[in-house]
Amino acid sequence: MSMLSKENTSEIFEDIKRNLTRGVKDRKHTFHTPVFCNVDNENNIESRVVVLRQFDSPNMVLNFHTDFRSPKVFSLQQNNNSLFVFYDHKLKIQLRIKTISTINNQNKVTEEMWDKTKLFSRKCYLTEKAPSSPTNLPEDGIDESLGGKEPTFEESEKGYKNFTVVQNQIKQIDWLYLAASGHRRLKIIIEKKIPSFQWIIP
């Protein structure tokens, strides 16, 4: 990142979008696996690493996939305020992105993404018990007949009912650049897909 782009709000915004796009496509990019945070029904903050599956740049939406039976789905249905944290130690950039989450299950959004999901990934949605269920043994909850192998297409289809796409509409981005020469921090508010910028003290 050049000196100009560290001071130029429009260039910073375009750089953020480029890195989010790379995070979807490049599994080795640090933005591929952000931390996703939300509040559960007891007002506890819950955080976990998710895989960034899609970034809709024109509409400023981040997507990841999860199991419909996951506790975070219920929590997001009660309170759809959420937050992503991205950090890249080479770029020296942290992003905290405030979002509003929408749950998609057994609709056109999930149909489209399910068709693109590989069999090995579909296997994750074939657990007999819901995610976070207690168990007496250390296990993944998948039937032993599928141990160490991909399901057939027909077997994988049983997981579709659990497959969920969480769409997260970006409302605000907190961009932080860390440098010995001087840190920089920028707040970007997105309203009707249009960004506005405010420099803030790091």
N, C-alpha and C. Protein backbone atom coordinates (compact mmCIF):
# COMPACT_ATOMS: atom_id res chain seq x y z
N MET A 1 0.84 -1.19 0.00
CA MET A 1 0.00 0.00 0.00
C MET A 1 0.88 1.25 0.00
N SER A 2 0.65 2.15 -0.90
CA SER A 2 1.49 3.34 -1.02
C SER A 2 1.14 4.36 0.05
N MET A 3 2.04 5.38 0.20
CA MET A 3 1.78 6.44 1.16
C MET A 3 0.48 7.17 0.84
N LEU A 4 0.22 7.35 -0.45
CA LEU A 4 -0.98 8.07 -0.86
C LEU A 4 -2.23 7.35 -0.39
N SER A 5 -2.25 6.03 -0.56
CA SER A 5 -3.46 5.29 -0.23
C SER A 5 -3.70 5.22 1.28
N LYS A 6 -2.66 5.49 2.09
CA LYS A 6 -2.84 5.52 3.53
C LYS A 6 -3.53 6.81 3.98
N GLU A 7 -3.53 7.78 3.10
CA GLU A 7 -4.11 9.08 3.44
C GLU A 7 -5.35 9.40 2.60
N ASN A 8 -5.55 8.65 1.53
CA ASN A 8 -6.63 8.94 0.60
C ASN A 8 -7.81 8.00 0.89
N THR A 9 -8.93 8.56 1.32
CA THR A 9 -10.06 7.74 1.78
C THR A 9 -10.63 6.84 0.68
N SER A 10 -10.74 7.37 -0.52
CA SER A 10 -11.31 6.58 -1.62
C SER A 10 -10.40 5.40 -1.98
N GLU A 11 -9.09 5.63 -1.96
CA GLU A 11 -8.16 4.54 -2.27
C GLU A 11 -8.16 3.49 -1.17
N ILE A 12 -8.29 3.92 0.08
CA ILE A 12 -8.37 2.97 1.20
C ILE A 12 -9.62 2.11 1.04
N PHE A 13 -10.73 2.73 0.71
CA PHE A 13 -11.99 1.99 0.53
C PHE A 13 -11.86 0.97 -0.59
N GLU A 14 -11.26 1.36 -1.71
CA GLU A 14 -11.08 0.42 -2.82
C GLU A 14 -10.13 -0.71 -2.43
N ASP A 15 -9.11 -0.40 -1.63
CA ASP A 15 -8.18 -1.43 -1.17
C ASP A 15 -8.87 -2.43 -0.25
N ILE A 16 -9.75 -1.94 0.60
CA ILE A 16 -10.53 -2.83 1.48
C ILE A 16 -11.35 -3.80 0.64
N LYS A 17 -12.02 -3.28 -0.38
CA LYS A 17 -12.86 -4.14 -1.22
C LYS A 17 -12.01 -5.16 -1.98
N ARG A 18 -10.83 -4.74 -2.44
CA ARG A 18 -9.94 -5.68 -3.13
C ARG A 18 -9.52 -6.82 -2.21
N ASN A 19 -9.19 -6.49 -0.97
CA ASN A 19 -8.73 -7.52 -0.04
C ASN A 19 -9.87 -8.45 0.39
N LEU A 20 -11.07 -7.93 0.53
CA LEU A 20 -12.21 -8.78 0.84
C LEU A 20 -12.50 -9.74 -0.32
N THR A 21 -12.37 -9.24 -1.54
CA THR A 21 -12.56 -10.08 -2.73
C THR A 21 -11.50 -11.17 -2.77
N ARG A 22 -10.26 -10.80 -2.49
CA ARG A 22 -9.17 -11.79 -2.45
C ARG A 22 -9.40 -12.80 -1.35
N GLY A 23 -9.96 -12.33 -0.23
CA GLY A 23 -10.23 -13.23 0.89
C GLY A 23 -11.18 -14.34 0.54
N VAL A 24 -12.10 -14.08 -0.36
CA VAL A 24 -13.03 -15.12 -0.82
C VAL A 24 -12.32 -16.11 -1.73
N LYS A 25 -11.53 -15.61 -2.65
CA LYS A 25 -10.94 -16.44 -3.69
C LYS A 25 -9.67 -17.16 -3.27
N ASP A 26 -8.88 -16.54 -2.38
CA ASP A 26 -7.57 -17.07 -2.01
C ASP A 26 -7.62 -17.65 -0.59
N ARG A 27 -7.55 -18.96 -0.50
CA ARG A 27 -7.66 -19.63 0.80
C ARG A 27 -6.49 -19.29 1.72
N LYS A 28 -5.38 -18.82 1.14
CA LYS A 28 -4.21 -18.48 1.95
C LYS A 28 -4.23 -17.03 2.44
N HIS A 29 -5.15 -16.25 1.91
CA HIS A 29 -5.24 -14.86 2.34
C HIS A 29 -5.84 -14.83 3.75
N THR A 30 -5.29 -13.96 4.61
CA THR A 30 -5.77 -13.92 5.99
C THR A 30 -7.23 -13.49 6.10
N PHE A 31 -7.74 -12.79 5.10
CA PHE A 31 -9.14 -12.36 5.14
C PHE A 31 -10.10 -13.50 4.80
N HIS A 32 -9.56 -14.66 4.45
CA HIS A 32 -10.41 -15.81 4.13
C HIS A 32 -11.14 -16.34 5.36
N THR A 33 -10.53 -16.14 6.54
CA THR A 33 -11.11 -16.69 7.77
C THR A 33 -11.20 -15.61 8.86
N PRO A 34 -12.18 -14.73 8.75
CA PRO A 34 -12.36 -13.69 9.77
C PRO A 34 -13.00 -14.25 11.04
N VAL A 35 -12.97 -13.44 12.09
CA VAL A 35 -13.72 -13.75 13.31
C VAL A 35 -15.09 -13.08 13.19
N PHE A 36 -16.14 -13.86 13.46
CA PHE A 36 -17.52 -13.35 13.39
C PHE A 36 -18.08 -13.31 14.80
N CYS A 37 -18.66 -12.17 15.18
CA CYS A 37 -19.15 -11.98 16.55
C CYS A 37 -20.62 -11.58 16.55
N ASN A 38 -21.32 -12.07 17.54
CA ASN A 38 -22.71 -11.66 17.75
C ASN A 38 -23.06 -11.85 19.21
N VAL A 39 -24.27 -11.47 19.59
CA VAL A 39 -24.72 -11.58 20.97
C VAL A 39 -25.77 -12.68 21.05
N ASP A 40 -25.61 -13.59 22.02
CA ASP A 40 -26.58 -14.69 22.13
C ASP A 40 -27.80 -14.22 22.92
N ASN A 41 -28.75 -15.13 23.13
CA ASN A 41 -30.01 -14.75 23.76
C ASN A 41 -29.87 -14.45 25.26
N GLU A 42 -28.66 -14.66 25.82
CA GLU A 42 -28.40 -14.30 27.21
C GLU A 42 -27.45 -13.10 27.30
N ASN A 43 -27.32 -12.41 26.18
CA ASN A 43 -26.47 -11.21 26.07
C ASN A 43 -24.99 -11.50 26.28
N ASN A 44 -24.59 -12.73 26.01
CA ASN A 44 -23.17 -13.07 26.00
C ASN A 44 -22.61 -12.82 24.60
N ILE A 45 -21.39 -12.31 24.53
CA ILE A 45 -20.75 -12.11 23.24
C ILE A 45 -20.17 -13.45 22.78
N GLU A 46 -20.52 -13.87 21.57
CA GLU A 46 -20.02 -15.12 21.01
C GLU A 46 -19.15 -14.79 19.79
N SER A 47 -17.97 -15.38 19.72
CA SER A 47 -17.06 -15.16 18.60
C SER A 47 -16.54 -16.48 18.09
N ARG A 48 -16.38 -16.58 16.78
CA ARG A 48 -15.83 -17.79 16.17
C ARG A 48 -15.26 -17.43 14.80
N VAL A 49 -14.35 -18.27 14.33
CA VAL A 49 -13.79 -18.08 12.99
C VAL A 49 -14.75 -18.68 11.98
N VAL A 50 -15.03 -17.95 10.91
CA VAL A 50 -15.86 -18.45 9.82
C VAL A 50 -15.06 -18.36 8.52
N VAL A 51 -15.54 -19.02 7.50
CA VAL A 51 -14.92 -18.95 6.18
C VAL A 51 -15.71 -17.96 5.33
N LEU A 52 -15.02 -16.96 4.81
CA LEU A 52 -15.68 -15.97 3.95
C LEU A 52 -15.98 -16.61 2.61
N ARG A 53 -17.25 -16.77 2.30
CA ARG A 53 -17.66 -17.48 1.08
C ARG A 53 -18.00 -16.56 -0.08
N GLN A 54 -18.40 -15.33 0.23
CA GLN A 54 -18.79 -14.43 -0.85
C GLN A 54 -18.71 -12.99 -0.37
N PHE A 55 -18.25 -12.12 -1.24
CA PHE A 55 -18.29 -10.68 -0.99
C PHE A 55 -18.95 -10.02 -2.18
N ASP A 56 -20.13 -9.47 -1.96
CA ASP A 56 -20.87 -8.75 -2.99
C ASP A 56 -20.47 -7.29 -2.87
N SER A 57 -19.47 -6.89 -3.67
CA SER A 57 -18.92 -5.55 -3.57
C SER A 57 -19.92 -4.44 -3.89
N PRO A 58 -20.70 -4.54 -4.97
CA PRO A 58 -21.65 -3.45 -5.27
C PRO A 58 -22.67 -3.23 -4.15
N ASN A 59 -23.10 -4.33 -3.51
CA ASN A 59 -24.12 -4.22 -2.47
C ASN A 59 -23.54 -4.24 -1.06
N MET A 60 -22.21 -4.43 -0.96
CA MET A 60 -21.51 -4.44 0.32
C MET A 60 -22.10 -5.48 1.29
N VAL A 61 -22.06 -6.73 0.85
CA VAL A 61 -22.58 -7.85 1.64
C VAL A 61 -21.52 -8.94 1.76
N LEU A 62 -21.31 -9.44 2.98
CA LEU A 62 -20.39 -10.54 3.25
C LEU A 62 -21.22 -11.78 3.59
N ASN A 63 -20.85 -12.93 3.01
CA ASN A 63 -21.58 -14.18 3.25
C ASN A 63 -20.69 -15.26 3.84
N PHE A 64 -21.26 -16.05 4.73
CA PHE A 64 -20.63 -17.30 5.14
C PHE A 64 -21.72 -18.35 5.29
N HIS A 65 -21.31 -19.61 5.40
CA HIS A 65 -22.25 -20.72 5.50
C HIS A 65 -22.23 -21.31 6.90
N THR A 66 -23.36 -21.82 7.34
CA THR A 66 -23.43 -22.48 8.64
C THR A 66 -24.56 -23.49 8.64
N ASP A 67 -24.70 -24.20 9.75
CA ASP A 67 -25.77 -25.18 9.93
C ASP A 67 -26.97 -24.48 10.57
N PHE A 68 -28.15 -24.72 10.03
CA PHE A 68 -29.36 -24.05 10.52
C PHE A 68 -29.61 -24.35 12.00
N ARG A 69 -29.11 -25.50 12.45
CA ARG A 69 -29.32 -25.90 13.85
C ARG A 69 -28.31 -25.26 14.80
N SER A 70 -27.36 -24.52 14.27
CA SER A 70 -26.33 -23.88 15.09
C SER A 70 -26.95 -22.82 16.01
N PRO A 71 -26.48 -22.73 17.26
CA PRO A 71 -27.02 -21.71 18.18
C PRO A 71 -26.92 -20.28 17.64
N LYS A 72 -25.91 -20.00 16.82
CA LYS A 72 -25.77 -18.62 16.32
C LYS A 72 -26.91 -18.23 15.39
N VAL A 73 -27.51 -19.23 14.73
CA VAL A 73 -28.65 -18.92 13.85
C VAL A 73 -29.82 -18.41 14.68
N PHE A 74 -30.13 -19.11 15.75
CA PHE A 74 -31.22 -18.67 16.63
C PHE A 74 -30.91 -17.30 17.21
N SER A 75 -29.66 -17.10 17.65
CA SER A 75 -29.26 -15.82 18.23
C SER A 75 -29.42 -14.67 17.23
N LEU A 76 -29.00 -14.92 15.99
CA LEU A 76 -29.10 -13.88 14.96
C LEU A 76 -30.55 -13.60 14.58
N GLN A 77 -31.41 -14.58 14.73
CA GLN A 77 -32.83 -14.36 14.47
C GLN A 77 -33.45 -13.46 15.54
N GLN A 78 -32.86 -13.49 16.75
CA GLN A 78 -33.35 -12.64 17.84
C GLN A 78 -32.70 -11.26 17.81
N ASN A 79 -31.42 -11.23 17.43
CA ASN A 79 -30.67 -9.97 17.37
C ASN A 79 -29.72 -10.05 16.19
N ASN A 80 -30.02 -9.33 15.13
CA ASN A 80 -29.27 -9.48 13.89
C ASN A 80 -28.06 -8.54 13.76
N ASN A 81 -27.71 -7.85 14.83
CA ASN A 81 -26.49 -7.05 14.83
C ASN A 81 -25.28 -7.96 14.96
N SER A 82 -24.27 -7.75 14.13
CA SER A 82 -23.12 -8.64 14.11
C SER A 82 -21.86 -7.87 13.73
N LEU A 83 -20.72 -8.54 13.85
CA LEU A 83 -19.45 -7.87 13.61
C LEU A 83 -18.42 -8.86 13.09
N PHE A 84 -17.66 -8.46 12.08
CA PHE A 84 -16.53 -9.23 11.57
C PHE A 84 -15.24 -8.53 12.00
N VAL A 85 -14.22 -9.33 12.33
CA VAL A 85 -12.88 -8.80 12.58
C VAL A 85 -11.91 -9.49 11.63
N PHE A 86 -11.20 -8.69 10.85
CA PHE A 86 -10.17 -9.18 9.93
C PHE A 86 -8.84 -8.58 10.38
N TYR A 87 -7.76 -9.36 10.25
CA TYR A 87 -6.44 -8.80 10.53
C TYR A 87 -5.40 -9.46 9.64
N ASP A 88 -4.55 -8.65 9.05
CA ASP A 88 -3.45 -9.15 8.23
C ASP A 88 -2.16 -8.54 8.75
N HIS A 89 -1.27 -9.39 9.32
CA HIS A 89 -0.05 -8.88 9.93
C HIS A 89 0.94 -8.36 8.90
N LYS A 90 0.88 -8.85 7.67
CA LYS A 90 1.77 -8.34 6.63
C LYS A 90 1.32 -6.97 6.13
N LEU A 91 0.02 -6.84 5.93
CA LEU A 91 -0.51 -5.55 5.50
C LEU A 91 -0.58 -4.55 6.66
N LYS A 92 -0.53 -5.09 7.90
CA LYS A 92 -0.65 -4.28 9.11
C LYS A 92 -1.99 -3.57 9.16
N ILE A 93 -3.01 -4.30 8.72
CA ILE A 93 -4.35 -3.73 8.67
C ILE A 93 -5.33 -4.58 9.47
N GLN A 94 -6.12 -3.89 10.30
CA GLN A 94 -7.25 -4.53 10.98
C GLN A 94 -8.53 -3.89 10.47
N LEU A 95 -9.53 -4.73 10.20
CA LEU A 95 -10.86 -4.25 9.86
C LEU A 95 -11.85 -4.76 10.89
N ARG A 96 -12.66 -3.87 11.41
CA ARG A 96 -13.81 -4.26 12.21
C ARG A 96 -15.04 -3.80 11.44
N ILE A 97 -15.85 -4.75 11.01
CA ILE A 97 -16.95 -4.45 10.10
C ILE A 97 -18.28 -4.77 10.78
N LYS A 98 -19.07 -3.73 11.04
CA LYS A 98 -20.40 -3.92 11.63
C LYS A 98 -21.40 -4.27 10.54
N THR A 99 -22.21 -5.29 10.82
CA THR A 99 -23.15 -5.78 9.81
C THR A 99 -24.53 -6.07 10.42
N ILE A 100 -25.49 -6.22 9.53
CA ILE A 100 -26.83 -6.71 9.88
C ILE A 100 -27.00 -8.04 9.16
N SER A 101 -27.29 -9.09 9.92
CA SER A 101 -27.30 -10.45 9.37
C SER A 101 -28.70 -10.92 8.99
N THR A 102 -28.76 -11.64 7.88
CA THR A 102 -30.00 -12.25 7.41
C THR A 102 -29.77 -13.75 7.22
N ILE A 103 -30.68 -14.56 7.75
CA ILE A 103 -30.58 -16.01 7.67
C ILE A 103 -31.31 -16.52 6.44
N ASN A 104 -30.62 -17.32 5.62
CA ASN A 104 -31.24 -17.94 4.44
C ASN A 104 -31.19 -19.46 4.60
N ASN A 105 -32.36 -20.08 4.54
CA ASN A 105 -32.44 -21.54 4.65
C ASN A 105 -33.54 -22.04 3.73
N GLN A 106 -33.18 -22.99 2.87
CA GLN A 106 -34.11 -23.61 1.93
C GLN A 106 -34.87 -22.55 1.11
N ASN A 107 -34.08 -21.65 0.51
CA ASN A 107 -34.66 -20.65 -0.39
C ASN A 107 -33.76 -20.52 -1.63
N LYS A 108 -34.00 -19.54 -2.46
CA LYS A 108 -33.25 -19.40 -3.70
C LYS A 108 -31.77 -19.14 -3.45
N VAL A 109 -31.47 -18.40 -2.39
CA VAL A 109 -30.06 -18.11 -2.07
C VAL A 109 -29.33 -19.40 -1.73
N THR A 110 -29.94 -20.24 -0.89
CA THR A 110 -29.26 -21.48 -0.50
C THR A 110 -29.25 -22.49 -1.64
N GLU A 111 -30.27 -22.50 -2.46
CA GLU A 111 -30.29 -23.41 -3.62
C GLU A 111 -29.09 -23.13 -4.53
N GLU A 112 -28.86 -21.86 -4.81
CA GLU A 112 -27.76 -21.47 -5.71
C GLU A 112 -26.41 -21.87 -5.12
N MET A 113 -26.21 -21.59 -3.83
CA MET A 113 -24.92 -21.88 -3.21
C MET A 113 -24.74 -23.37 -2.96
N TRP A 114 -25.81 -24.09 -2.66
CA TRP A 114 -25.73 -25.54 -2.43
C TRP A 114 -25.28 -26.24 -3.69
N ASP A 115 -25.79 -25.80 -4.83
CA ASP A 115 -25.41 -26.40 -6.10
C ASP A 115 -23.91 -26.25 -6.37
N LYS A 116 -23.29 -25.21 -5.80
CA LYS A 116 -21.87 -24.96 -6.01
C LYS A 116 -21.00 -25.60 -4.92
N THR A 117 -21.63 -26.19 -3.92
CA THR A 117 -20.89 -26.74 -2.78
C THR A 117 -20.41 -28.16 -3.08
N LYS A 118 -19.13 -28.41 -2.88
CA LYS A 118 -18.55 -29.72 -3.16
C LYS A 118 -19.05 -30.77 -2.17
N LEU A 119 -18.99 -32.02 -2.59
CA LEU A 119 -19.50 -33.11 -1.75
C LEU A 119 -18.82 -33.16 -0.39
N PHE A 120 -17.50 -32.96 -0.38
CA PHE A 120 -16.78 -33.02 0.89
C PHE A 120 -17.27 -31.95 1.85
N SER A 121 -17.59 -30.75 1.32
CA SER A 121 -18.11 -29.67 2.17
C SER A 121 -19.55 -29.94 2.59
N ARG A 122 -20.33 -30.58 1.72
CA ARG A 122 -21.71 -30.91 2.06
C ARG A 122 -21.77 -31.88 3.24
N LYS A 123 -20.72 -32.66 3.39
CA LYS A 123 -20.67 -33.66 4.46
C LYS A 123 -20.85 -33.02 5.84
N CYS A 124 -20.40 -31.78 5.99
CA CYS A 124 -20.50 -31.08 7.27
C CYS A 124 -21.94 -30.93 7.76
N TYR A 125 -22.88 -30.97 6.82
CA TYR A 125 -24.28 -30.73 7.17
C TYR A 125 -25.07 -32.02 7.37
N LEU A 126 -24.34 -33.13 7.45
CA LEU A 126 -24.96 -34.45 7.62
C LEU A 126 -24.87 -34.96 9.06
N THR A 127 -24.49 -34.11 10.00
CA THR A 127 -24.40 -34.55 11.39
C THR A 127 -25.79 -34.93 11.90
N GLU A 128 -25.83 -36.02 12.67
CA GLU A 128 -27.11 -36.48 13.20
C GLU A 128 -27.60 -35.60 14.34
N LYS A 129 -26.66 -35.04 15.09
CA LYS A 129 -26.99 -34.13 16.18
C LYS A 129 -26.67 -32.71 15.75
N ALA A 130 -27.35 -31.77 16.37
CA ALA A 130 -27.11 -30.36 16.05
C ALA A 130 -25.74 -29.91 16.55
N PRO A 131 -25.11 -28.96 15.86
CA PRO A 131 -23.87 -28.40 16.37
C PRO A 131 -24.04 -27.87 17.79
N SER A 132 -23.03 -28.04 18.61
CA SER A 132 -23.00 -27.64 20.02
C SER A 132 -23.76 -28.58 20.93
N SER A 133 -24.30 -29.69 20.39
CA SER A 133 -24.97 -30.68 21.23
C SER A 133 -23.93 -31.39 22.11
N PRO A 134 -24.27 -31.69 23.36
CA PRO A 134 -23.35 -32.46 24.22
C PRO A 134 -23.24 -33.90 23.73
N THR A 135 -22.09 -34.52 23.95
CA THR A 135 -21.87 -35.90 23.54
C THR A 135 -20.97 -36.59 24.55
N ASN A 136 -21.18 -37.89 24.72
CA ASN A 136 -20.38 -38.66 25.68
C ASN A 136 -19.01 -39.04 25.11
N LEU A 137 -18.88 -38.96 23.79
CA LEU A 137 -17.65 -39.35 23.12
C LEU A 137 -17.12 -38.21 22.27
N PRO A 138 -15.79 -38.14 22.05
CA PRO A 138 -15.26 -37.15 21.11
C PRO A 138 -15.58 -37.58 19.68
N GLU A 139 -16.53 -36.93 19.06
CA GLU A 139 -16.99 -37.33 17.73
C GLU A 139 -17.44 -36.11 16.94
N ASP A 140 -17.59 -36.31 15.62
CA ASP A 140 -18.06 -35.20 14.78
C ASP A 140 -19.55 -35.27 14.49
N GLY A 141 -20.19 -36.35 14.94
CA GLY A 141 -21.63 -36.46 14.77
C GLY A 141 -22.07 -37.01 13.43
N ILE A 142 -21.11 -37.33 12.56
CA ILE A 142 -21.45 -37.86 11.24
C ILE A 142 -21.47 -39.39 11.30
N ASP A 143 -22.41 -39.98 10.61
CA ASP A 143 -22.55 -41.44 10.62
C ASP A 143 -21.23 -42.13 10.26
N GLU A 144 -20.92 -43.20 10.98
CA GLU A 144 -19.66 -43.91 10.79
C GLU A 144 -19.47 -44.42 9.37
N SER A 145 -20.56 -44.67 8.67
CA SER A 145 -20.47 -45.17 7.29
C SER A 145 -19.80 -44.16 6.35
N LEU A 146 -19.77 -42.90 6.77
CA LEU A 146 -19.15 -41.85 5.95
C LEU A 146 -17.76 -41.48 6.45
N GLY A 147 -17.26 -42.21 7.42
CA GLY A 147 -15.95 -41.91 7.98
C GLY A 147 -14.84 -41.96 6.94
N GLY A 148 -14.11 -40.83 6.81
CA GLY A 148 -12.96 -40.77 5.92
C GLY A 148 -13.27 -40.77 4.44
N LYS A 149 -14.51 -40.51 4.07
CA LYS A 149 -14.84 -40.50 2.63
C LYS A 149 -15.93 -39.47 2.34
N GLU A 150 -16.02 -39.13 1.06
CA GLU A 150 -17.06 -38.20 0.62
C GLU A 150 -18.40 -38.93 0.55
N PRO A 151 -19.48 -38.23 0.83
CA PRO A 151 -20.79 -38.83 0.60
C PRO A 151 -21.09 -38.88 -0.90
N THR A 152 -21.99 -39.73 -1.31
CA THR A 152 -22.46 -39.69 -2.68
C THR A 152 -23.33 -38.44 -2.84
N PHE A 153 -23.64 -38.09 -4.06
CA PHE A 153 -24.51 -36.93 -4.29
C PHE A 153 -25.84 -37.13 -3.58
N GLU A 154 -26.40 -38.34 -3.70
CA GLU A 154 -27.69 -38.64 -3.09
C GLU A 154 -27.60 -38.53 -1.57
N GLU A 155 -26.54 -39.05 -0.98
CA GLU A 155 -26.36 -38.95 0.47
C GLU A 155 -26.22 -37.50 0.91
N SER A 156 -25.49 -36.72 0.11
CA SER A 156 -25.24 -35.34 0.49
C SER A 156 -26.50 -34.49 0.50
N GLU A 157 -27.46 -34.85 -0.34
CA GLU A 157 -28.69 -34.06 -0.46
C GLU A 157 -29.47 -34.01 0.85
N LYS A 158 -29.25 -34.97 1.72
CA LYS A 158 -29.94 -35.00 3.01
C LYS A 158 -29.51 -33.81 3.89
N GLY A 159 -28.33 -33.26 3.58
CA GLY A 159 -27.84 -32.15 4.37
C GLY A 159 -28.37 -30.79 3.96
N TYR A 160 -29.08 -30.73 2.84
CA TYR A 160 -29.55 -29.43 2.33
C TYR A 160 -30.44 -28.70 3.33
N LYS A 161 -31.27 -29.44 4.04
CA LYS A 161 -32.19 -28.79 4.99
C LYS A 161 -31.44 -28.05 6.10
N ASN A 162 -30.21 -28.47 6.37
CA ASN A 162 -29.41 -27.81 7.41
C ASN A 162 -28.53 -26.69 6.87
N PHE A 163 -28.29 -26.70 5.56
CA PHE A 163 -27.38 -25.73 4.94
C PHE A 163 -27.98 -24.33 4.99
N THR A 164 -27.20 -23.39 5.50
CA THR A 164 -27.69 -22.03 5.70
C THR A 164 -26.65 -21.02 5.23
N VAL A 165 -27.10 -20.02 4.50
CA VAL A 165 -26.25 -18.92 4.08
C VAL A 165 -26.60 -17.70 4.93
N VAL A 166 -25.60 -17.18 5.62
CA VAL A 166 -25.79 -15.97 6.42
C VAL A 166 -25.27 -14.79 5.61
N GLN A 167 -26.18 -13.91 5.23
CA GLN A 167 -25.82 -12.70 4.49
C GLN A 167 -25.69 -11.55 5.49
N ASN A 168 -24.62 -10.78 5.35
CA ASN A 168 -24.32 -9.74 6.32
C ASN A 168 -24.12 -8.41 5.61
N GLN A 169 -25.11 -7.55 5.76
CA GLN A 169 -25.08 -6.24 5.12
C GLN A 169 -24.15 -5.31 5.89
N ILE A 170 -23.13 -4.80 5.21
CA ILE A 170 -22.16 -3.93 5.86
C ILE A 170 -22.76 -2.55 6.14
N LYS A 171 -22.64 -2.14 7.42
CA LYS A 171 -23.13 -0.83 7.84
C LYS A 171 -21.99 0.13 8.14
N GLN A 172 -20.90 -0.43 8.67
CA GLN A 172 -19.78 0.43 9.06
C GLN A 172 -18.48 -0.36 9.04
N ILE A 173 -17.40 0.29 8.59
CA ILE A 173 -16.07 -0.32 8.58
C ILE A 173 -15.13 0.56 9.40
N ASP A 174 -14.44 -0.09 10.33
CA ASP A 174 -13.40 0.60 11.10
C ASP A 174 -12.07 0.06 10.59
N TRP A 175 -11.34 0.90 9.85
CA TRP A 175 -10.05 0.53 9.23
C TRP A 175 -8.92 1.06 10.09
N LEU A 176 -7.99 0.17 10.47
CA LEU A 176 -6.85 0.57 11.29
C LEU A 176 -5.58 0.09 10.62
N TYR A 177 -4.67 1.05 10.37
CA TYR A 177 -3.37 0.73 9.79
C TYR A 177 -2.31 1.00 10.84
N LEU A 178 -1.49 -0.01 11.11
CA LEU A 178 -0.48 0.10 12.16
C LEU A 178 0.90 0.28 11.54
N ALA A 179 1.59 1.34 11.91
CA ALA A 179 2.91 1.60 11.35
C ALA A 179 3.75 2.40 12.34
N ALA A 180 5.05 2.10 12.38
CA ALA A 180 5.95 2.81 13.28
C ALA A 180 5.98 4.31 12.98
N SER A 181 5.76 4.65 11.71
CA SER A 181 5.77 6.05 11.30
C SER A 181 4.52 6.80 11.73
N GLY A 182 3.52 6.05 12.20
CA GLY A 182 2.27 6.68 12.63
C GLY A 182 1.06 5.86 12.24
N HIS A 183 0.26 5.47 13.23
CA HIS A 183 -0.95 4.70 12.94
C HIS A 183 -1.99 5.60 12.28
N ARG A 184 -2.87 4.97 11.52
CA ARG A 184 -3.98 5.68 10.89
C ARG A 184 -5.26 4.90 11.11
N ARG A 185 -6.35 5.60 11.36
CA ARG A 185 -7.64 4.93 11.58
C ARG A 185 -8.73 5.73 10.88
N LEU A 186 -9.60 4.98 10.19
CA LEU A 186 -10.65 5.60 9.40
C LEU A 186 -11.97 4.88 9.64
N LYS A 187 -13.02 5.65 9.91
CA LYS A 187 -14.36 5.08 10.02
C LYS A 187 -15.10 5.33 8.72
N ILE A 188 -15.67 4.26 8.16
CA ILE A 188 -16.42 4.35 6.90
C ILE A 188 -17.85 3.91 7.18
N ILE A 189 -18.79 4.81 6.98
CA ILE A 189 -20.20 4.50 7.19
C ILE A 189 -20.85 4.28 5.82
N ILE A 190 -21.56 3.16 5.67
CA ILE A 190 -22.21 2.83 4.41
C ILE A 190 -23.71 3.06 4.54
N GLU A 191 -24.23 3.98 3.76
CA GLU A 191 -25.68 4.23 3.73
C GLU A 191 -26.14 4.23 2.29
N LYS A 192 -27.10 3.35 1.99
CA LYS A 192 -27.62 3.19 0.63
C LYS A 192 -26.47 2.92 -0.34
N LYS A 193 -25.54 2.06 0.11
CA LYS A 193 -24.39 1.61 -0.68
C LYS A 193 -23.35 2.70 -0.94
N ILE A 194 -23.53 3.86 -0.32
CA ILE A 194 -22.60 4.98 -0.53
C ILE A 194 -21.78 5.20 0.74
N PRO A 195 -20.43 5.25 0.60
CA PRO A 195 -19.59 5.43 1.79
C PRO A 195 -19.41 6.91 2.17
N SER A 196 -19.33 7.15 3.47
CA SER A 196 -18.87 8.45 3.96
C SER A 196 -17.72 8.17 4.92
N PHE A 197 -16.80 9.11 5.05
CA PHE A 197 -15.54 8.86 5.73
C PHE A 197 -15.30 9.83 6.87
N GLN A 198 -14.69 9.30 7.95
CA GLN A 198 -14.30 10.13 9.08
C GLN A 198 -13.01 9.61 9.65
N TRP A 199 -11.96 10.43 9.60
CA TRP A 199 -10.71 10.06 10.24
C TRP A 199 -10.90 10.11 11.75
N ILE A 200 -10.33 9.13 12.46
CA ILE A 200 -10.40 9.13 13.92
C ILE A 200 -9.02 8.78 14.48
N ILE A 201 -8.79 9.15 15.73
CA ILE A 201 -7.52 8.86 16.37
C ILE A 201 -7.41 7.35 16.65
N PRO A 202 -6.30 6.72 16.27
CA PRO A 202 -6.15 5.27 16.49
C PRO A 202 -6.23 4.91 17.98
